[in-house]
Protein backbone atom coordinates (compact mmCIF):
# COMPACT_ATOMS: atom_id res chain seq x y z
CA UNK A 1 102.79 72.01 114.67
CA UNK A 2 104.91 75.15 113.77
CA UNK A 3 103.39 74.60 110.27
CA UNK A 4 99.87 75.16 111.56
CA UNK A 5 100.66 78.16 113.53
CA UNK A 6 102.39 79.61 110.30
CA UNK A 7 99.49 78.99 108.03
CA UNK A 8 96.82 80.55 110.87
CA UNK A 9 99.29 83.51 110.99
CA UNK A 10 99.13 84.15 107.17
CA UNK A 11 95.26 83.42 107.36
CA UNK A 12 94.88 86.06 109.93
CA UNK A 13 97.23 88.39 107.96
CA UNK A 14 94.92 87.66 104.62
CA UNK A 15 91.65 88.29 106.67
CA UNK A 16 93.11 91.56 107.86
CA UNK A 17 93.69 92.99 104.23
CA UNK A 18 90.51 91.95 103.05
CA UNK A 19 88.99 93.74 105.98
CA UNK A 20 90.90 96.57 105.14
CA UNK A 21 89.66 96.68 101.76
CA UNK A 22 86.39 96.49 102.15
CA UNK A 23 86.49 98.94 104.54
CA UNK A 24 88.22 101.25 102.28
CA UNK A 25 86.10 100.55 99.27
CA UNK A 26 83.00 101.41 101.50
CA UNK A 27 84.48 104.58 102.37
CA UNK A 28 84.92 105.15 98.54
CA UNK A 29 81.78 103.93 97.51
CA UNK A 30 80.03 106.25 100.39
CA UNK A 31 82.03 109.16 99.28
CA UNK A 32 80.94 108.89 95.57
CA UNK A 33 77.24 108.08 96.26
CA UNK A 34 76.37 110.19 99.13
CA UNK A 35 78.50 113.21 99.69
CA UNK A 36 79.37 113.25 95.72
CA UNK A 37 76.24 114.90 94.81
CA UNK A 38 76.28 117.56 97.54
CA UNK A 39 79.71 118.60 96.67
CA UNK A 40 78.91 119.00 93.21
CA UNK A 41 75.75 120.98 94.08
CA UNK A 42 78.09 123.29 96.45
CA UNK A 43 80.56 124.03 93.52
CA UNK A 44 77.89 125.19 90.73
């Protein structure tokens, strides 16, 4: 029974890491696609 609990903990940790990766990827893409052109215009 303890092995099942450890597997579930590992799965939850893996899901948390995946969620964080996706969150950061979305923020970076948003910054490049939406905010990037505005920033470039203000520098020129």
